[in-house]
Protein backbone atom coordinates (compact mmCIF):
# COMPACT_ATOMS: atom_id res chain seq x y z
CA MET A 1 127.08 72.42 56.03
CA SER A 2 126.57 70.75 52.71
CA THR A 3 127.95 72.17 49.50
CA GLY A 4 124.48 72.54 47.97
CA LEU A 5 123.27 74.63 50.90
CA ALA A 6 126.34 76.88 50.71
CA ILE A 7 125.77 77.46 46.98
CA LEU A 8 122.10 78.26 47.65
CA PHE A 9 123.07 80.87 50.27
CA ILE A 10 125.61 82.44 47.90
CA ILE A 11 123.03 82.70 45.12
CA LEU A 12 120.42 84.19 47.47
CA ALA A 13 122.94 86.73 48.80
CA LEU A 14 123.89 87.68 45.23
CA ILE A 15 120.26 88.20 44.23
CA ALA A 16 119.54 90.23 47.39
CA GLY A 17 122.62 92.37 46.73
CA LEU A 18 121.62 93.04 43.13
CA VAL A 19 118.06 94.01 44.06
CA GLY A 20 119.22 96.17 46.97
CA GLY A 21 121.89 97.85 44.84
CA PHE A 22 119.39 98.62 42.10
CA PHE A 23 116.96 100.34 44.45
CA LEU A 24 119.72 102.27 46.26
CA ALA A 25 121.14 103.49 42.94
CA ARG A 26 117.65 104.47 41.74
CA LYS A 27 116.98 106.45 44.92
CA TYR A 28 120.36 108.18 44.69
CA MET A 29 119.80 109.23 41.07
CA MET A 30 116.28 110.52 41.75
CA ASP A 31 117.57 112.65 44.63
CA TYR A 32 120.49 113.87 42.50
CA PHE A 33 118.24 114.98 39.65
CA LYS A 34 115.84 116.65 42.07
CA LYS A 35 118.70 118.73 43.51
CA ASN A 36 120.47 119.27 40.16
CA PRO A 37 117.94 119.40 37.33
CA PRO A 38 119.48 118.73 33.94
CA ILE A 39 117.98 121.91 32.44
CA ASN A 40 118.39 125.23 34.21
CA GLU A 41 117.50 128.79 33.19
CA ASP A 42 120.79 129.44 31.40
CA THR A 43 120.49 126.25 29.37
CA LEU A 44 116.90 127.09 28.45
CA ARG A 45 117.90 130.62 27.45
CA MET A 46 120.70 129.28 25.23
CA LEU A 47 118.36 126.75 23.58
CA MET A 48 115.80 129.45 22.80
CA MET A 49 118.47 131.69 21.31
CA GLN A 50 119.68 128.83 19.10
CA MET A 51 116.12 128.32 17.86
CA GLY A 52 115.98 131.96 16.84
CA GLN A 53 113.73 133.18 19.66
CA LYS A 54 114.55 136.12 21.85
CA PRO A 55 114.04 134.80 25.38
CA SER A 56 112.33 137.16 27.77
CA GLU A 57 112.69 136.62 31.50
CA LYS A 58 108.94 136.09 31.81
CA LYS A 59 108.97 133.35 29.16
CA ILE A 60 111.94 131.63 30.83
CA LYS A 61 110.21 131.67 34.23
CA GLN A 62 106.98 130.29 32.71
CA MET A 63 108.80 127.43 31.01
CA MET A 64 110.76 126.57 34.18
CA ALA A 65 107.54 126.60 36.21
CA SER A 66 105.77 124.32 33.74
CA MET A 67 108.72 121.92 33.74
CA LYS A 68 108.65 121.85 37.56
CA VAL A 69 104.91 121.09 37.57
CA GLN A 70 105.41 118.24 35.08
CA SER A 71 108.27 116.87 37.17
CA ASP A 72 106.17 117.00 40.33
CA LYS A 73 103.29 115.20 38.60
CA ALA A 74 105.64 112.46 37.39
CA ASN A 75 107.05 112.04 40.91
CA LYS A 76 103.58 111.80 42.47
CA LYS A 77 102.58 109.00 40.07
CA LYS A 78 105.40 106.80 41.35
């Protein structure tokens, strides 16, 4: 096998590995954030209290539901 052909195979393998790694990492992170959303009810409650609002359970549930709908819409676009 010639040296040029060996270098070509190494470069192609490197590019394939980078592309494959990117998509695997992207899939892993999307699944992780779906299972563990960055904002939960306790975090939302604490943020509302810091803004000077008294969070009711109904308001918290409404905000969580609207965030879930927005997340679902963003996932369907992709």
